[in-house]
């Protein structure tokens, strides 16, 4: 896939919306493409994450031992988003359901881009804070309904 197409896909993801096009180009350029066949393992639950995977083509199944049912990730989906920002483990096993292409986005590349584009870093910080506040509000509403 061409760099321009990767930049377009990255720009559509909520986490990267604050990033200017130049930052997205740097991120796409520093990411690694990976081709998977049907049944190939992408990541295993419990493995340390060093970034995230953007599904470019195909279909990836996420399986968690503690949650019934599988989740399917289609092109444009991001797998392991929190690994872009924090040191964490994958909580699921991910495998290709069909021939697929993914882009591995290293956390180190995201950190470098955030250092080079401080305005994007500040906007991302605000976006994350808003998401956390929204989650907190929803939890309060659920708690009120349970009382």
C-alpha atoms as a PDB file:
ATOM      1  CA  UNK A   1       0.000   0.000   0.000  1.00  0.00           C
ATOM      2  CA  UNK A   2       1.301   3.473  -0.798  1.00  0.00           C
ATOM      3  CA  UNK A   3       2.375   5.945   1.864  1.00  0.00           C
ATOM      4  CA  UNK A   4      -0.406   8.322   0.807  1.00  0.00           C
ATOM      5  CA  UNK A   5      -3.065   5.648   1.400  1.00  0.00           C
ATOM      6  CA  UNK A   6      -1.629   4.861   4.842  1.00  0.00           C
ATOM      7  CA  UNK A   7      -1.732   8.555   5.742  1.00  0.00           C
ATOM      8  CA  UNK A   8      -5.391   8.722   4.664  1.00  0.00           C
ATOM      9  CA  UNK A   9      -6.303   5.703   6.822  1.00  0.00           C
ATOM     10  CA  UNK A  10      -4.372   7.070   9.825  1.00  0.00           C
ATOM     11  CA  UNK A  11      -6.067  10.472   9.486  1.00  0.00           C
ATOM     12  CA  UNK A  12      -9.485   8.808   9.799  1.00  0.00           C
ATOM     13  CA  UNK A  13      -8.666   7.274  13.208  1.00  0.00           C
ATOM     14  CA  UNK A  14      -9.855   9.326  16.213  1.00  0.00           C
ATOM     15  CA  UNK A  15      -6.524   9.027  18.035  1.00  0.00           C
ATOM     16  CA  UNK A  16      -4.647  10.561  15.088  1.00  0.00           C
ATOM     17  CA  UNK A  17      -7.123  13.318  14.140  1.00  0.00           C
ATOM     18  CA  UNK A  18      -5.045  15.976  15.967  1.00  0.00           C
ATOM     19  CA  UNK A  19      -1.967  15.075  13.905  1.00  0.00           C
ATOM     20  CA  UNK A  20      -1.098  17.294  10.928  1.00  0.00           C
ATOM     21  CA  UNK A  21      -0.469  15.555   7.606  1.00  0.00           C
ATOM     22  CA  UNK A  22       3.301  15.861   7.980  1.00  0.00           C
ATOM     23  CA  UNK A  23       3.144  14.037  11.331  1.00  0.00           C
ATOM     24  CA  UNK A  24       0.992  11.288   9.812  1.00  0.00           C
ATOM     25  CA  UNK A  25       3.483  10.864   6.962  1.00  0.00           C
ATOM     26  CA  UNK A  26       6.300  10.442   9.505  1.00  0.00           C
ATOM     27  CA  UNK A  27       4.224   7.917  11.414  1.00  0.00           C
ATOM     28  CA  UNK A  28       3.300   5.926   8.304  1.00  0.00           C
ATOM     29  CA  UNK A  29       6.886   5.970   7.059  1.00  0.00           C
ATOM     30  CA  UNK A  30       8.244   4.685  10.391  1.00  0.00           C
ATOM     31  CA  UNK A  31       5.653   1.896  10.625  1.00  0.00           C
ATOM     32  CA  UNK A  32       6.154  -1.664   9.423  1.00  0.00           C
ATOM     33  CA  UNK A  33       3.900  -3.480   6.987  1.00  0.00           C
ATOM     34  CA  UNK A  34       3.014  -7.104   7.711  1.00  0.00           C
ATOM     35  CA  UNK A  35       1.194  -9.578   5.461  1.00  0.00           C
ATOM     36  CA  UNK A  36      -0.837 -12.368   7.075  1.00  0.00           C
ATOM     37  CA  UNK A  37      -2.382 -15.499   5.614  1.00  0.00           C
ATOM     38  CA  UNK A  38      -5.636 -17.037   6.812  1.00  0.00           C
ATOM     39  CA  UNK A  39      -4.996 -18.409  10.310  1.00  0.00           C
ATOM     40  CA  UNK A  40      -1.736 -16.517  10.934  1.00  0.00           C
ATOM     41  CA  UNK A  41      -1.264 -15.241  14.479  1.00  0.00           C
ATOM     42  CA  UNK A  42      -0.806 -11.478  14.811  1.00  0.00           C
ATOM     43  CA  UNK A  43      -0.486 -11.209  18.618  1.00  0.00           C
ATOM     44  CA  UNK A  44      -1.070 -13.449  21.616  1.00  0.00           C
ATOM     45  CA  UNK A  45      -2.815 -12.370  24.826  1.00  0.00           C
ATOM     46  CA  UNK A  46      -0.364 -11.481  27.581  1.00  0.00           C
ATOM     47  CA  UNK A  47       2.434 -10.392  25.234  1.00  0.00           C
ATOM     48  CA  UNK A  48       3.959  -6.977  25.920  1.00  0.00           C
ATOM     49  CA  UNK A  49       2.765  -4.370  23.438  1.00  0.00           C
ATOM     50  CA  UNK A  50       5.136  -1.948  21.763  1.00  0.00           C
ATOM     51  CA  UNK A  51       2.477  -0.209  19.680  1.00  0.00           C
ATOM     52  CA  UNK A  52      -0.672  -1.010  17.726  1.00  0.00           C
ATOM     53  CA  UNK A  53      -1.770  -2.580  14.445  1.00  0.00           C
ATOM     54  CA  UNK A  54      -3.815  -0.860  11.784  1.00  0.00           C
ATOM     55  CA  UNK A  55      -5.780  -3.280   9.606  1.00  0.00           C
ATOM     56  CA  UNK A  56      -5.246  -2.243   5.993  1.00  0.00           C
ATOM     57  CA  UNK A  57      -6.925  -5.175   4.235  1.00  0.00           C
ATOM     58  CA  UNK A  58      -8.584  -8.417   5.248  1.00  0.00           C
ATOM     59  CA  UNK A  59     -10.185  -9.402   8.535  1.00  0.00           C
ATOM     60  CA  UNK A  60      -8.658  -9.984  11.984  1.00  0.00           C
ATOM     61  CA  UNK A  61     -10.385 -11.912  14.809  1.00  0.00           C
ATOM     62  CA  UNK A  62      -9.800 -10.873  18.431  1.00  0.00           C
ATOM     63  CA  UNK A  63     -10.390 -13.530  21.073  1.00  0.00           C
ATOM     64  CA  UNK A  64     -10.383 -12.970  24.853  1.00  0.00           C
ATOM     65  CA  UNK A  65     -10.540 -15.887  27.241  1.00  0.00           C
ATOM     66  CA  UNK A  66     -12.590 -13.910  29.795  1.00  0.00           C
ATOM     67  CA  UNK A  67     -15.132 -12.475  27.334  1.00  0.00           C
ATOM     68  CA  UNK A  68     -17.569 -14.621  25.335  1.00  0.00           C
ATOM     69  CA  UNK A  69     -17.714 -14.074  21.584  1.00  0.00           C
ATOM     70  CA  UNK A  70     -15.102 -12.849  19.178  1.00  0.00           C
ATOM     71  CA  UNK A  71     -14.599  -9.371  17.795  1.00  0.00           C
ATOM     72  CA  UNK A  72     -13.825  -8.909  14.118  1.00  0.00           C
ATOM     73  CA  UNK A  73     -11.640  -6.005  13.019  1.00  0.00           C
ATOM     74  CA  UNK A  74     -12.069  -4.813   9.443  1.00  0.00           C
ATOM     75  CA  UNK A  75      -9.909  -2.519   7.303  1.00  0.00           C
ATOM     76  CA  UNK A  76      -9.432   0.836   8.995  1.00  0.00           C
ATOM     77  CA  UNK A  77      -9.664  -0.728  12.462  1.00  0.00           C
ATOM     78  CA  UNK A  78      -6.953  -0.202  15.053  1.00  0.00           C
ATOM     79  CA  UNK A  79      -5.855  -3.109  17.262  1.00  0.00           C
ATOM     80  CA  UNK A  80      -4.238  -2.361  20.624  1.00  0.00           C
ATOM     81  CA  UNK A  81      -4.692   1.417  20.610  1.00  0.00           C
ATOM     82  CA  UNK A  82      -3.635   1.876  24.248  1.00  0.00           C
ATOM     83  CA  UNK A  83      -0.232   0.416  23.355  1.00  0.00           C
ATOM     84  CA  UNK A  84       0.458   3.564  21.334  1.00  0.00           C
ATOM     85  CA  UNK A  85       0.504   5.641  24.513  1.00  0.00           C
ATOM     86  CA  UNK A  86       1.269   3.393  27.503  1.00  0.00           C
ATOM     87  CA  UNK A  87       3.285   0.323  28.362  1.00  0.00           C
ATOM     88  CA  UNK A  88       0.728  -2.493  28.405  1.00  0.00           C
ATOM     89  CA  UNK A  89       0.038  -6.091  27.401  1.00  0.00           C
ATOM     90  CA  UNK A  90      -2.335  -7.312  24.736  1.00  0.00           C
ATOM     91  CA  UNK A  91      -5.504  -8.550  26.467  1.00  0.00           C
ATOM     92  CA  UNK A  92      -6.544 -10.635  23.470  1.00  0.00           C
ATOM     93  CA  UNK A  93      -5.207 -13.003  20.856  1.00  0.00           C
ATOM     94  CA  UNK A  94      -5.495 -11.694  17.295  1.00  0.00           C
ATOM     95  CA  UNK A  95      -5.375 -13.814  14.161  1.00  0.00           C
ATOM     96  CA  UNK A  96      -6.137 -13.375  10.497  1.00  0.00           C
ATOM     97  CA  UNK A  97      -9.456 -14.806   9.328  1.00  0.00           C
ATOM     98  CA  UNK A  98      -8.439 -14.258   5.712  1.00  0.00           C
ATOM     99  CA  UNK A  99      -5.429 -12.922   3.844  1.00  0.00           C
ATOM    100  CA  UNK A 100      -4.754  -9.576   5.516  1.00  0.00           C
ATOM    101  CA  UNK A 101      -2.332  -6.694   5.633  1.00  0.00           C
ATOM    102  CA  UNK A 102      -1.593  -4.711   8.778  1.00  0.00           C
ATOM    103  CA  UNK A 103       0.589  -1.754   9.611  1.00  0.00           C
ATOM    104  CA  UNK A 104       2.504  -2.017  12.898  1.00  0.00           C
ATOM    105  CA  UNK A 105       2.701   1.453  14.458  1.00  0.00           C
ATOM    106  CA  UNK A 106       5.452   1.510  17.107  1.00  0.00           C
ATOM    107  CA  UNK A 107       4.884   3.444  20.342  1.00  0.00           C
ATOM    108  CA  UNK A 108       8.380   4.917  19.958  1.00  0.00           C
ATOM    109  CA  UNK A 109       7.354   6.471  16.628  1.00  0.00           C
ATOM    110  CA  UNK A 110       4.213   7.983  18.159  1.00  0.00           C
ATOM    111  CA  UNK A 111       6.259   9.455  21.025  1.00  0.00           C
ATOM    112  CA  UNK A 112       8.756  10.953  18.576  1.00  0.00           C
ATOM    113  CA  UNK A 113       5.978  12.510  16.512  1.00  0.00           C
ATOM    114  CA  UNK A 114       4.337  13.918  19.658  1.00  0.00           C
ATOM    115  CA  UNK A 115       7.656  15.523  20.650  1.00  0.00           C
ATOM    116  CA  UNK A 116       8.052  17.064  17.214  1.00  0.00           C
ATOM    117  CA  UNK A 117       4.436  18.282  17.088  1.00  0.00           C
ATOM    118  CA  UNK A 118       3.586  19.614  20.585  1.00  0.00           C
ATOM    119  CA  UNK A 119       0.254  21.114  19.490  1.00  0.00           C
ATOM    120  CA  UNK A 120      -0.890  17.654  18.361  1.00  0.00           C
ATOM    121  CA  UNK A 121       0.320  16.218  21.684  1.00  0.00           C
ATOM    122  CA  UNK A 122      -1.745  18.764  23.627  1.00  0.00           C
ATOM    123  CA  UNK A 123      -4.859  18.104  21.549  1.00  0.00           C
ATOM    124  CA  UNK A 124      -4.410  14.345  21.979  1.00  0.00           C
ATOM    125  CA  UNK A 125      -4.084  14.847  25.750  1.00  0.00           C
ATOM    126  CA  UNK A 126      -7.390  16.784  25.743  1.00  0.00           C
ATOM    127  CA  UNK A 127      -9.086  14.095  23.626  1.00  0.00           C
ATOM    128  CA  UNK A 128      -7.967  11.360  26.023  1.00  0.00           C
ATOM    129  CA  UNK A 129      -9.145  13.398  29.020  1.00  0.00           C
ATOM    130  CA  UNK A 130     -12.565  13.904  27.390  1.00  0.00           C
ATOM    131  CA  UNK A 131     -12.860  10.152  26.707  1.00  0.00           C
ATOM    132  CA  UNK A 132     -12.005   9.362  30.329  1.00  0.00           C
ATOM    133  CA  UNK A 133     -14.517  11.910  31.610  1.00  0.00           C
ATOM    134  CA  UNK A 134     -17.181  10.439  29.327  1.00  0.00           C
ATOM    135  CA  UNK A 135     -16.434   6.929  30.616  1.00  0.00           C
ATOM    136  CA  UNK A 136     -16.630   8.225  34.195  1.00  0.00           C
ATOM    137  CA  UNK A 137     -20.004   9.873  33.524  1.00  0.00           C
ATOM    138  CA  UNK A 138     -21.382   6.677  31.980  1.00  0.00           C
ATOM    139  CA  UNK A 139     -20.196   4.657  34.978  1.00  0.00           C
ATOM    140  CA  UNK A 140     -21.944   7.067  37.360  1.00  0.00           C
ATOM    141  CA  UNK A 141     -25.196   6.749  35.361  1.00  0.00           C
ATOM    142  CA  UNK A 142     -24.944   2.954  35.416  1.00  0.00           C
ATOM    143  CA  UNK A 143     -24.291   3.042  39.167  1.00  0.00           C
ATOM    144  CA  UNK A 144     -27.334   5.257  39.706  1.00  0.00           C
ATOM    145  CA  UNK A 145     -29.530   2.825  37.746  1.00  0.00           C
ATOM    146  CA  UNK A 146     -28.312  -0.102  39.831  1.00  0.00           C
ATOM    147  CA  UNK A 147     -29.213   1.574  43.129  1.00  0.00           C
END
